[in-house]
């Protein structure tokens, strides 16, 4: 639950409820990330049911976004914090959108080269790296959630620092994937090259969003603690 010592500082009921509702995004993000890990582990299996769940979560996130934006624009949030909250909503929603995009890309891939076992050995190596990124993303999601559960600015800064470390770890994995992708580009198809390149950049965006969210939460807390 959101820490009410922190929320008390915001004073306005609408702001308290809006922050609390944003926790729903994190629950969806965690489920989608775990499902994607399962998809990457065994892409030759039936991934349609997992993709369907991810799609349903994406629709649920859209509903959360619409409701939160309605609340904010109708005056539930103070004008000094409105921009922060609107940006937070966009960042949270974008995390869910990107997990949905990845699931759709994997579904398309299964209908082409994965189903036929085409060059599966090299691509499975890339998928193992994608699983590592998603494991780091799960920790980042937990850290974002915990930022709303602490009341001290120093604790928030520590959590933010850890999220930055996670983002840097993902950057290193991403760079390794891209380096390897270019080294093997002559032995794989353009379709596979684009598939791997697009997914690794989208996975990196998940951590970038978590880092941006941590910055926004910290800035919000600093603004209300003055």
C-alpha atoms as a PDB file:
ATOM      1  CA  UNK A   1       0.000   0.000   0.000  1.00  0.00           C
ATOM      2  CA  UNK A   2       1.023   3.597  -0.512  1.00  0.00           C
ATOM      3  CA  UNK A   3       2.556   5.126   2.595  1.00  0.00           C
ATOM      4  CA  UNK A   4       0.090   7.643   4.033  1.00  0.00           C
ATOM      5  CA  UNK A   5       2.826   9.607   5.801  1.00  0.00           C
ATOM      6  CA  UNK A   6       3.943  10.604   2.328  1.00  0.00           C
ATOM      7  CA  UNK A   7       0.419  11.025   0.970  1.00  0.00           C
ATOM      8  CA  UNK A   8      -0.590  13.226   3.893  1.00  0.00           C
ATOM      9  CA  UNK A   9       1.833  15.826   2.592  1.00  0.00           C
ATOM     10  CA  UNK A  10      -0.143  16.102  -0.618  1.00  0.00           C
ATOM     11  CA  UNK A  11      -3.201  17.121   1.423  1.00  0.00           C
ATOM     12  CA  UNK A  12      -5.732  16.726  -1.410  1.00  0.00           C
ATOM     13  CA  UNK A  13      -7.795  13.531  -1.516  1.00  0.00           C
ATOM     14  CA  UNK A  14      -7.689  13.369  -5.324  1.00  0.00           C
ATOM     15  CA  UNK A  15      -3.911  13.324  -5.337  1.00  0.00           C
ATOM     16  CA  UNK A  16      -3.803  10.566  -2.739  1.00  0.00           C
ATOM     17  CA  UNK A  17      -6.191   8.419  -4.743  1.00  0.00           C
ATOM     18  CA  UNK A  18      -4.398   9.073  -8.040  1.00  0.00           C
ATOM     19  CA  UNK A  19      -1.068   7.887  -6.628  1.00  0.00           C
ATOM     20  CA  UNK A  20      -2.702   4.849  -5.080  1.00  0.00           C
ATOM     21  CA  UNK A  21      -4.321   3.949  -8.394  1.00  0.00           C
ATOM     22  CA  UNK A  22      -0.938   4.066 -10.126  1.00  0.00           C
ATOM     23  CA  UNK A  23       0.056   0.966  -8.163  1.00  0.00           C
ATOM     24  CA  UNK A  24      -2.318  -0.932 -10.443  1.00  0.00           C
ATOM     25  CA  UNK A  25       0.033  -0.306 -13.353  1.00  0.00           C
ATOM     26  CA  UNK A  26       2.886  -1.982 -11.505  1.00  0.00           C
ATOM     27  CA  UNK A  27       0.855  -5.110 -10.868  1.00  0.00           C
ATOM     28  CA  UNK A  28       0.073  -5.351 -14.586  1.00  0.00           C
ATOM     29  CA  UNK A  29       3.700  -4.643 -15.510  1.00  0.00           C
ATOM     30  CA  UNK A  30       4.948  -7.462 -13.270  1.00  0.00           C
ATOM     31  CA  UNK A  31       2.501  -9.984 -14.672  1.00  0.00           C
ATOM     32  CA  UNK A  32       3.315  -9.013 -18.259  1.00  0.00           C
ATOM     33  CA  UNK A  33       7.066  -9.216 -17.638  1.00  0.00           C
ATOM     34  CA  UNK A  34       6.750 -12.692 -16.130  1.00  0.00           C
ATOM     35  CA  UNK A  35       4.640 -13.827 -19.065  1.00  0.00           C
ATOM     36  CA  UNK A  36       7.213 -12.476 -21.514  1.00  0.00           C
ATOM     37  CA  UNK A  37       9.949 -14.400 -19.715  1.00  0.00           C
ATOM     38  CA  UNK A  38       7.911 -17.567 -20.241  1.00  0.00           C
ATOM     39  CA  UNK A  39       7.430 -16.703 -23.902  1.00  0.00           C
ATOM     40  CA  UNK A  40      11.166 -16.187 -24.454  1.00  0.00           C
ATOM     41  CA  UNK A  41      12.046 -19.390 -22.569  1.00  0.00           C
ATOM     42  CA  UNK A  42       9.991 -21.572 -24.907  1.00  0.00           C
ATOM     43  CA  UNK A  43       8.993 -19.576 -27.989  1.00  0.00           C
ATOM     44  CA  UNK A  44       8.191 -22.785 -29.888  1.00  0.00           C
ATOM     45  CA  UNK A  45       5.298 -23.533 -27.514  1.00  0.00           C
ATOM     46  CA  UNK A  46       1.795 -22.129 -27.746  1.00  0.00           C
ATOM     47  CA  UNK A  47       2.185 -18.475 -26.757  1.00  0.00           C
ATOM     48  CA  UNK A  48      -1.271 -17.328 -27.791  1.00  0.00           C
ATOM     49  CA  UNK A  49      -2.854 -17.660 -24.339  1.00  0.00           C
ATOM     50  CA  UNK A  50      -0.033 -15.730 -22.684  1.00  0.00           C
ATOM     51  CA  UNK A  51      -0.229 -13.065 -25.374  1.00  0.00           C
ATOM     52  CA  UNK A  52      -3.964 -12.811 -24.817  1.00  0.00           C
ATOM     53  CA  UNK A  53      -3.449 -12.139 -21.103  1.00  0.00           C
ATOM     54  CA  UNK A  54      -0.869  -9.464 -21.887  1.00  0.00           C
ATOM     55  CA  UNK A  55      -3.342  -7.864 -24.308  1.00  0.00           C
ATOM     56  CA  UNK A  56      -6.076  -7.887 -21.673  1.00  0.00           C
ATOM     57  CA  UNK A  57      -3.689  -6.210 -19.233  1.00  0.00           C
ATOM     58  CA  UNK A  58      -2.899  -3.566 -21.832  1.00  0.00           C
ATOM     59  CA  UNK A  59      -6.612  -2.792 -22.165  1.00  0.00           C
ATOM     60  CA  UNK A  60      -6.940  -2.659 -18.376  1.00  0.00           C
ATOM     61  CA  UNK A  61      -4.053  -0.168 -18.262  1.00  0.00           C
ATOM     62  CA  UNK A  62      -5.801   1.973 -20.865  1.00  0.00           C
ATOM     63  CA  UNK A  63      -8.888   2.098 -18.652  1.00  0.00           C
ATOM     64  CA  UNK A  64      -6.783   3.124 -15.667  1.00  0.00           C
ATOM     65  CA  UNK A  65      -5.183   5.837 -17.785  1.00  0.00           C
ATOM     66  CA  UNK A  66      -8.498   7.225 -18.996  1.00  0.00           C
ATOM     67  CA  UNK A  67      -9.916   7.335 -15.466  1.00  0.00           C
ATOM     68  CA  UNK A  68      -6.829   8.950 -13.960  1.00  0.00           C
ATOM     69  CA  UNK A  69      -6.681  11.571 -16.672  1.00  0.00           C
ATOM     70  CA  UNK A  70     -10.354  12.355 -16.175  1.00  0.00           C
ATOM     71  CA  UNK A  71      -9.776  12.767 -12.451  1.00  0.00           C
ATOM     72  CA  UNK A  72      -6.746  14.991 -12.935  1.00  0.00           C
ATOM     73  CA  UNK A  73      -8.223  17.244 -15.588  1.00  0.00           C
ATOM     74  CA  UNK A  74     -11.460  17.624 -13.616  1.00  0.00           C
ATOM     75  CA  UNK A  75      -9.598  19.276 -10.761  1.00  0.00           C
ATOM     76  CA  UNK A  76      -8.696  16.346  -8.519  1.00  0.00           C
ATOM     77  CA  UNK A  77      -5.027  17.329  -8.666  1.00  0.00           C
ATOM     78  CA  UNK A  78      -3.540  20.678  -7.669  1.00  0.00           C
ATOM     79  CA  UNK A  79      -2.276  22.738 -10.573  1.00  0.00           C
ATOM     80  CA  UNK A  80       1.304  22.736  -9.284  1.00  0.00           C
ATOM     81  CA  UNK A  81       1.480  18.938  -9.511  1.00  0.00           C
ATOM     82  CA  UNK A  82      -0.754  18.328 -12.516  1.00  0.00           C
ATOM     83  CA  UNK A  83       2.041  18.116 -15.103  1.00  0.00           C
ATOM     84  CA  UNK A  84       3.970  15.649 -12.932  1.00  0.00           C
ATOM     85  CA  UNK A  85       0.944  13.406 -12.536  1.00  0.00           C
ATOM     86  CA  UNK A  86       0.025  13.475 -16.220  1.00  0.00           C
ATOM     87  CA  UNK A  87       3.575  12.572 -17.182  1.00  0.00           C
ATOM     88  CA  UNK A  88       3.634   9.787 -14.584  1.00  0.00           C
ATOM     89  CA  UNK A  89       0.465   8.328 -16.068  1.00  0.00           C
ATOM     90  CA  UNK A  90       1.965   8.361 -19.573  1.00  0.00           C
ATOM     91  CA  UNK A  91       5.152   6.665 -18.380  1.00  0.00           C
ATOM     92  CA  UNK A  92       3.273   3.950 -16.494  1.00  0.00           C
ATOM     93  CA  UNK A  93       0.937   3.292 -19.407  1.00  0.00           C
ATOM     94  CA  UNK A  94       3.845   3.169 -21.847  1.00  0.00           C
ATOM     95  CA  UNK A  95       5.446   0.327 -19.889  1.00  0.00           C
ATOM     96  CA  UNK A  96       2.332  -1.793 -20.388  1.00  0.00           C
ATOM     97  CA  UNK A  97       2.049  -0.771 -24.048  1.00  0.00           C
ATOM     98  CA  UNK A  98       5.617  -1.862 -24.707  1.00  0.00           C
ATOM     99  CA  UNK A  99       5.156  -5.281 -23.094  1.00  0.00           C
ATOM    100  CA  UNK A 100       2.103  -5.728 -25.315  1.00  0.00           C
ATOM    101  CA  UNK A 101       4.096  -4.751 -28.408  1.00  0.00           C
ATOM    102  CA  UNK A 102       6.755  -7.336 -27.565  1.00  0.00           C
ATOM    103  CA  UNK A 103       4.138 -10.062 -27.139  1.00  0.00           C
ATOM    104  CA  UNK A 104       2.648  -9.184 -30.536  1.00  0.00           C
ATOM    105  CA  UNK A 105       6.104  -9.255 -32.127  1.00  0.00           C
ATOM    106  CA  UNK A 106       6.736 -12.702 -30.649  1.00  0.00           C
ATOM    107  CA  UNK A 107       3.389 -13.898 -31.946  1.00  0.00           C
ATOM    108  CA  UNK A 108       4.278 -12.717 -35.440  1.00  0.00           C
ATOM    109  CA  UNK A 109       7.705 -14.346 -35.195  1.00  0.00           C
ATOM    110  CA  UNK A 110       6.169 -17.641 -34.166  1.00  0.00           C
ATOM    111  CA  UNK A 111       3.996 -17.557 -37.272  1.00  0.00           C
ATOM    112  CA  UNK A 112       7.123 -17.187 -39.400  1.00  0.00           C
ATOM    113  CA  UNK A 113      10.610 -18.436 -38.538  1.00  0.00           C
ATOM    114  CA  UNK A 114      10.043 -19.768 -35.005  1.00  0.00           C
ATOM    115  CA  UNK A 115       7.323 -22.221 -36.036  1.00  0.00           C
ATOM    116  CA  UNK A 116       9.637 -23.666 -38.691  1.00  0.00           C
ATOM    117  CA  UNK A 117      12.654 -23.860 -36.375  1.00  0.00           C
ATOM    118  CA  UNK A 118      14.514 -21.501 -38.715  1.00  0.00           C
ATOM    119  CA  UNK A 119      17.892 -20.573 -37.208  1.00  0.00           C
ATOM    120  CA  UNK A 120      16.509 -21.166 -33.731  1.00  0.00           C
ATOM    121  CA  UNK A 121      19.845 -21.794 -32.036  1.00  0.00           C
ATOM    122  CA  UNK A 122      21.298 -18.297 -32.580  1.00  0.00           C
ATOM    123  CA  UNK A 123      18.044 -16.566 -31.781  1.00  0.00           C
ATOM    124  CA  UNK A 124      17.579 -18.514 -28.530  1.00  0.00           C
ATOM    125  CA  UNK A 125      20.848 -17.011 -27.370  1.00  0.00           C
ATOM    126  CA  UNK A 126      19.376 -13.558 -27.874  1.00  0.00           C
ATOM    127  CA  UNK A 127      16.214 -14.570 -26.053  1.00  0.00           C
ATOM    128  CA  UNK A 128      18.264 -15.610 -23.017  1.00  0.00           C
ATOM    129  CA  UNK A 129      19.556 -12.051 -22.824  1.00  0.00           C
ATOM    130  CA  UNK A 130      16.000 -10.741 -23.123  1.00  0.00           C
ATOM    131  CA  UNK A 131      15.041 -12.862 -20.119  1.00  0.00           C
ATOM    132  CA  UNK A 132      17.883 -11.287 -18.129  1.00  0.00           C
ATOM    133  CA  UNK A 133      16.625  -7.819 -19.015  1.00  0.00           C
ATOM    134  CA  UNK A 134      13.105  -8.721 -17.931  1.00  0.00           C
ATOM    135  CA  UNK A 135      14.395 -10.061 -14.599  1.00  0.00           C
ATOM    136  CA  UNK A 136      16.079  -6.702 -14.017  1.00  0.00           C
ATOM    137  CA  UNK A 137      12.885  -4.980 -15.090  1.00  0.00           C
ATOM    138  CA  UNK A 138      10.927  -6.907 -12.464  1.00  0.00           C
ATOM    139  CA  UNK A 139      13.269  -5.596  -9.787  1.00  0.00           C
ATOM    140  CA  UNK A 140      12.963  -2.065 -11.174  1.00  0.00           C
ATOM    141  CA  UNK A 141       9.164  -2.326 -11.037  1.00  0.00           C
ATOM    142  CA  UNK A 142       9.349  -3.425  -7.393  1.00  0.00           C
ATOM    143  CA  UNK A 143      11.669  -0.516  -6.635  1.00  0.00           C
ATOM    144  CA  UNK A 144       9.287   1.961  -8.255  1.00  0.00           C
ATOM    145  CA  UNK A 145       6.473   0.572  -6.142  1.00  0.00           C
ATOM    146  CA  UNK A 146       8.553   0.868  -2.976  1.00  0.00           C
ATOM    147  CA  UNK A 147       9.198   4.551  -3.686  1.00  0.00           C
ATOM    148  CA  UNK A 148       5.580   5.170  -2.788  1.00  0.00           C
ATOM    149  CA  UNK A 149       5.912   3.235   0.454  1.00  0.00           C
ATOM    150  CA  UNK A 150       8.692   5.236   2.109  1.00  0.00           C
ATOM    151  CA  UNK A 151       8.409   8.621   3.743  1.00  0.00           C
ATOM    152  CA  UNK A 152      12.002   9.833   3.922  1.00  0.00           C
ATOM    153  CA  UNK A 153      13.602  11.659   1.015  1.00  0.00           C
ATOM    154  CA  UNK A 154      16.930   9.917   1.622  1.00  0.00           C
ATOM    155  CA  UNK A 155      15.260   6.524   1.251  1.00  0.00           C
ATOM    156  CA  UNK A 156      13.643   7.633  -1.991  1.00  0.00           C
ATOM    157  CA  UNK A 157      17.019   8.784  -3.296  1.00  0.00           C
ATOM    158  CA  UNK A 158      18.556   5.403  -2.435  1.00  0.00           C
ATOM    159  CA  UNK A 159      15.818   3.571  -4.320  1.00  0.00           C
ATOM    160  CA  UNK A 160      16.212   5.902  -7.278  1.00  0.00           C
ATOM    161  CA  UNK A 161      19.964   5.234  -7.297  1.00  0.00           C
ATOM    162  CA  UNK A 162      19.331   1.475  -7.453  1.00  0.00           C
ATOM    163  CA  UNK A 163      16.922   1.931 -10.369  1.00  0.00           C
ATOM    164  CA  UNK A 164      19.618   3.882 -12.182  1.00  0.00           C
ATOM    165  CA  UNK A 165      22.042   1.000 -11.567  1.00  0.00           C
ATOM    166  CA  UNK A 166      19.523  -1.449 -13.010  1.00  0.00           C
ATOM    167  CA  UNK A 167      19.072   0.735 -16.082  1.00  0.00           C
ATOM    168  CA  UNK A 168      22.843   0.809 -16.587  1.00  0.00           C
ATOM    169  CA  UNK A 169      23.011  -2.987 -16.296  1.00  0.00           C
ATOM    170  CA  UNK A 170      20.361  -3.266 -18.978  1.00  0.00           C
ATOM    171  CA  UNK A 171      22.270  -0.841 -21.188  1.00  0.00           C
ATOM    172  CA  UNK A 172      25.299  -3.146 -20.990  1.00  0.00           C
ATOM    173  CA  UNK A 173      23.209  -6.189 -21.922  1.00  0.00           C
ATOM    174  CA  UNK A 174      21.581  -4.277 -24.765  1.00  0.00           C
ATOM    175  CA  UNK A 175      24.948  -3.155 -26.133  1.00  0.00           C
ATOM    176  CA  UNK A 176      26.214  -6.746 -25.967  1.00  0.00           C
ATOM    177  CA  UNK A 177      23.166  -7.991 -27.866  1.00  0.00           C
ATOM    178  CA  UNK A 178      23.574  -5.350 -30.568  1.00  0.00           C
ATOM    179  CA  UNK A 179      27.315  -6.049 -30.920  1.00  0.00           C
ATOM    180  CA  UNK A 180      26.634  -9.758 -31.302  1.00  0.00           C
ATOM    181  CA  UNK A 181      23.772  -9.078 -33.696  1.00  0.00           C
ATOM    182  CA  UNK A 182      26.030  -7.123 -36.022  1.00  0.00           C
ATOM    183  CA  UNK A 183      28.733  -9.801 -35.843  1.00  0.00           C
ATOM    184  CA  UNK A 184      26.255 -12.455 -36.953  1.00  0.00           C
ATOM    185  CA  UNK A 185      24.316 -10.281 -39.406  1.00  0.00           C
ATOM    186  CA  UNK A 186      25.698 -12.093 -42.470  1.00  0.00           C
ATOM    187  CA  UNK A 187      24.421 -15.455 -41.248  1.00  0.00           C
ATOM    188  CA  UNK A 188      20.870 -14.400 -40.333  1.00  0.00           C
ATOM    189  CA  UNK A 189      17.986 -12.973 -42.320  1.00  0.00           C
ATOM    190  CA  UNK A 190      17.013  -9.306 -42.311  1.00  0.00           C
ATOM    191  CA  UNK A 191      13.724 -10.345 -40.704  1.00  0.00           C
ATOM    192  CA  UNK A 192      15.527 -11.939 -37.768  1.00  0.00           C
ATOM    193  CA  UNK A 193      17.960  -9.020 -37.479  1.00  0.00           C
ATOM    194  CA  UNK A 194      15.095  -6.535 -37.286  1.00  0.00           C
ATOM    195  CA  UNK A 195      13.192  -8.775 -34.876  1.00  0.00           C
ATOM    196  CA  UNK A 196      16.050  -8.931 -32.362  1.00  0.00           C
ATOM    197  CA  UNK A 197      17.060  -5.289 -32.776  1.00  0.00           C
ATOM    198  CA  UNK A 198      13.517  -4.000 -32.276  1.00  0.00           C
ATOM    199  CA  UNK A 199      12.858  -6.113 -29.190  1.00  0.00           C
ATOM    200  CA  UNK A 200      16.105  -5.252 -27.395  1.00  0.00           C
ATOM    201  CA  UNK A 201      15.507  -1.523 -27.834  1.00  0.00           C
ATOM    202  CA  UNK A 202      11.914  -1.868 -26.599  1.00  0.00           C
ATOM    203  CA  UNK A 203      13.064  -3.826 -23.547  1.00  0.00           C
ATOM    204  CA  UNK A 204      15.599  -1.098 -22.817  1.00  0.00           C
ATOM    205  CA  UNK A 205      12.754   1.438 -22.955  1.00  0.00           C
ATOM    206  CA  UNK A 206      11.033  -0.388 -20.077  1.00  0.00           C
ATOM    207  CA  UNK A 207      13.944   0.422 -17.777  1.00  0.00           C
ATOM    208  CA  UNK A 208      14.192   3.966 -19.125  1.00  0.00           C
ATOM    209  CA  UNK A 209      10.554   4.485 -18.176  1.00  0.00           C
ATOM    210  CA  UNK A 210      11.159   3.128 -14.667  1.00  0.00           C
ATOM    211  CA  UNK A 211      14.065   5.537 -14.266  1.00  0.00           C
ATOM    212  CA  UNK A 212      11.948   8.453 -15.524  1.00  0.00           C
ATOM    213  CA  UNK A 213       9.154   7.506 -13.116  1.00  0.00           C
ATOM    214  CA  UNK A 214      11.576   7.402 -10.189  1.00  0.00           C
ATOM    215  CA  UNK A 215      12.769  10.903 -11.105  1.00  0.00           C
ATOM    216  CA  UNK A 216       9.197  12.189 -11.262  1.00  0.00           C
ATOM    217  CA  UNK A 217       8.222  10.625  -7.932  1.00  0.00           C
ATOM    218  CA  UNK A 218      11.301  12.079  -6.268  1.00  0.00           C
ATOM    219  CA  UNK A 219      10.632  15.509  -7.747  1.00  0.00           C
ATOM    220  CA  UNK A 220       7.030  15.329  -6.569  1.00  0.00           C
ATOM    221  CA  UNK A 221       8.057  14.434  -3.042  1.00  0.00           C
ATOM    222  CA  UNK A 222      10.664  17.186  -2.980  1.00  0.00           C
ATOM    223  CA  UNK A 223       8.082  19.722  -4.127  1.00  0.00           C
ATOM    224  CA  UNK A 224       5.585  18.839  -1.386  1.00  0.00           C
ATOM    225  CA  UNK A 225       8.226  18.682   1.358  1.00  0.00           C
ATOM    226  CA  UNK A 226       9.342  22.285   0.947  1.00  0.00           C
END
